[in-house]
């Protein structure tokens, strides 16, 4: 599966993309919403692993822009703020977010969610 990992924490995004590559996926990392939008427009992905809090354009706004452009990839949102998830829960549902993963998480959490979303 082609996966784009979007997180402004460069270390986390890189480690997560490396882990997904080791699990047999084709994963790349983007460190902000603008770069992620360029990657999606240019390459297309089966799955986005998208942080909700990004500089300049937040993850939910980015996803809304991608949906308006008819990008229909599956999406897993990651967040360290449960209150933000609760605030945006209706919007996430309207944007067809497959799952929300709360930080801190383990690789086994990521693997289980990716497998369930891919099925």
Protein backbone atom coordinates (compact mmCIF):
# COMPACT_ATOMS: atom_id res chain seq x y z
CA UNK A 1 0.00 0.00 0.00
CA UNK A 2 1.24 3.54 -0.79
CA UNK A 3 1.22 5.55 2.44
CA UNK A 4 1.98 9.20 3.16
CA UNK A 5 2.89 9.99 6.78
CA UNK A 6 2.32 13.68 7.60
CA UNK A 7 3.69 15.03 10.88
CA UNK A 8 5.71 18.16 11.67
CA UNK A 9 7.75 16.09 14.12
CA UNK A 10 10.33 15.01 11.54
CA UNK A 11 11.72 12.22 13.70
CA UNK A 12 8.31 10.68 14.33
CA UNK A 13 7.26 10.96 10.67
CA UNK A 14 10.51 9.40 9.46
CA UNK A 15 10.47 6.56 12.00
CA UNK A 16 6.83 5.80 11.26
CA UNK A 17 7.44 5.80 7.48
CA UNK A 18 10.49 3.54 7.96
CA UNK A 19 8.43 1.15 10.10
CA UNK A 20 5.68 0.98 7.48
CA UNK A 21 8.27 0.37 4.75
CA UNK A 22 9.70 -2.49 6.82
CA UNK A 23 6.15 -3.93 7.00
CA UNK A 24 6.02 -4.09 3.20
CA UNK A 25 4.32 -0.80 2.40
CA UNK A 26 5.64 2.01 0.22
CA UNK A 27 5.68 4.89 2.72
CA UNK A 28 7.11 8.41 2.58
CA UNK A 29 7.11 11.25 5.09
CA UNK A 30 6.01 14.86 4.69
CA UNK A 31 6.65 17.40 7.42
CA UNK A 32 3.96 20.01 6.74
CA UNK A 33 0.57 20.32 5.13
CA UNK A 34 1.74 22.18 2.04
CA UNK A 35 4.31 19.50 1.18
CA UNK A 36 1.74 16.78 1.85
CA UNK A 37 -0.72 18.44 -0.53
CA UNK A 38 1.94 18.60 -3.25
CA UNK A 39 2.80 14.92 -2.70
CA UNK A 40 -0.88 13.91 -2.87
CA UNK A 41 -1.52 15.94 -6.02
CA UNK A 42 1.59 14.57 -7.69
CA UNK A 43 1.75 10.95 -6.54
CA UNK A 44 -1.55 9.88 -5.01
CA UNK A 45 -1.68 7.55 -2.00
CA UNK A 46 -3.83 4.73 -0.72
CA UNK A 47 -3.54 5.89 2.89
CA UNK A 48 -2.67 9.10 4.74
CA UNK A 49 -1.44 8.97 8.31
CA UNK A 50 -2.11 12.59 9.20
CA UNK A 51 -1.31 14.60 12.32
CA UNK A 52 -4.13 16.95 13.31
CA UNK A 53 -1.80 19.73 14.45
CA UNK A 54 0.51 21.03 11.74
CA UNK A 55 2.07 24.45 11.18
CA UNK A 56 0.34 26.88 8.80
CA UNK A 57 -2.45 24.49 7.72
CA UNK A 58 -3.75 21.98 10.23
CA UNK A 59 -4.38 18.36 9.34
CA UNK A 60 -8.16 18.60 9.22
CA UNK A 61 -8.06 21.66 6.95
CA UNK A 62 -5.56 19.86 4.73
CA UNK A 63 -7.83 16.84 4.51
CA UNK A 64 -10.76 19.07 3.62
CA UNK A 65 -8.72 20.59 0.76
CA UNK A 66 -7.71 17.14 -0.46
CA UNK A 67 -11.31 15.92 -0.39
CA UNK A 68 -12.39 18.97 -2.39
CA UNK A 69 -9.82 17.94 -5.00
CA UNK A 70 -11.40 14.46 -5.03
CA UNK A 71 -8.58 12.64 -3.25
CA UNK A 72 -10.36 9.59 -1.86
CA UNK A 73 -7.53 7.85 -0.01
CA UNK A 74 -8.21 6.33 3.38
CA UNK A 75 -7.09 8.42 6.36
CA UNK A 76 -5.83 7.70 9.84
CA UNK A 77 -5.59 10.85 11.96
CA UNK A 78 -3.06 11.02 14.78
CA UNK A 79 -3.28 13.45 17.67
CA UNK A 80 -1.84 14.07 21.08
CA UNK A 81 -4.90 16.06 22.12
CA UNK A 82 -8.03 14.07 22.94
CA UNK A 83 -10.01 17.29 23.48
CA UNK A 84 -9.15 18.38 19.92
CA UNK A 85 -10.33 15.04 18.59
CA UNK A 86 -13.62 15.44 20.47
CA UNK A 87 -14.02 18.99 19.15
CA UNK A 88 -13.46 17.85 15.54
CA UNK A 89 -15.22 14.44 15.72
CA UNK A 90 -18.15 15.43 13.47
CA UNK A 91 -15.86 17.04 10.92
CA UNK A 92 -13.62 13.97 10.89
CA UNK A 93 -16.65 11.78 10.21
CA UNK A 94 -17.79 14.02 7.35
CA UNK A 95 -14.28 13.80 5.86
CA UNK A 96 -14.45 10.00 6.01
CA UNK A 97 -11.60 9.49 8.47
CA UNK A 98 -11.17 5.75 8.98
CA UNK A 99 -9.54 5.89 12.41
CA UNK A 100 -8.00 8.16 15.04
CA UNK A 101 -4.78 7.15 16.74
CA UNK A 102 -3.87 8.96 19.95
CA UNK A 103 -0.28 9.71 20.91
CA UNK A 104 1.61 8.11 22.49
CA UNK A 105 1.12 4.96 20.43
CA UNK A 106 3.09 1.82 19.75
CA UNK A 107 4.07 0.22 16.47
CA UNK A 108 1.62 -2.59 17.22
CA UNK A 109 -1.16 0.04 17.52
CA UNK A 110 -0.15 1.45 14.12
CA UNK A 111 0.03 -2.03 12.55
CA UNK A 112 -3.41 -2.99 13.85
CA UNK A 113 -5.05 0.20 12.60
CA UNK A 114 -3.33 0.07 9.21
CA UNK A 115 -4.41 -3.55 8.78
CA UNK A 116 -8.01 -2.77 9.74
CA UNK A 117 -8.15 0.23 7.40
CA UNK A 118 -6.58 -1.75 4.54
CA UNK A 119 -9.12 -4.59 4.83
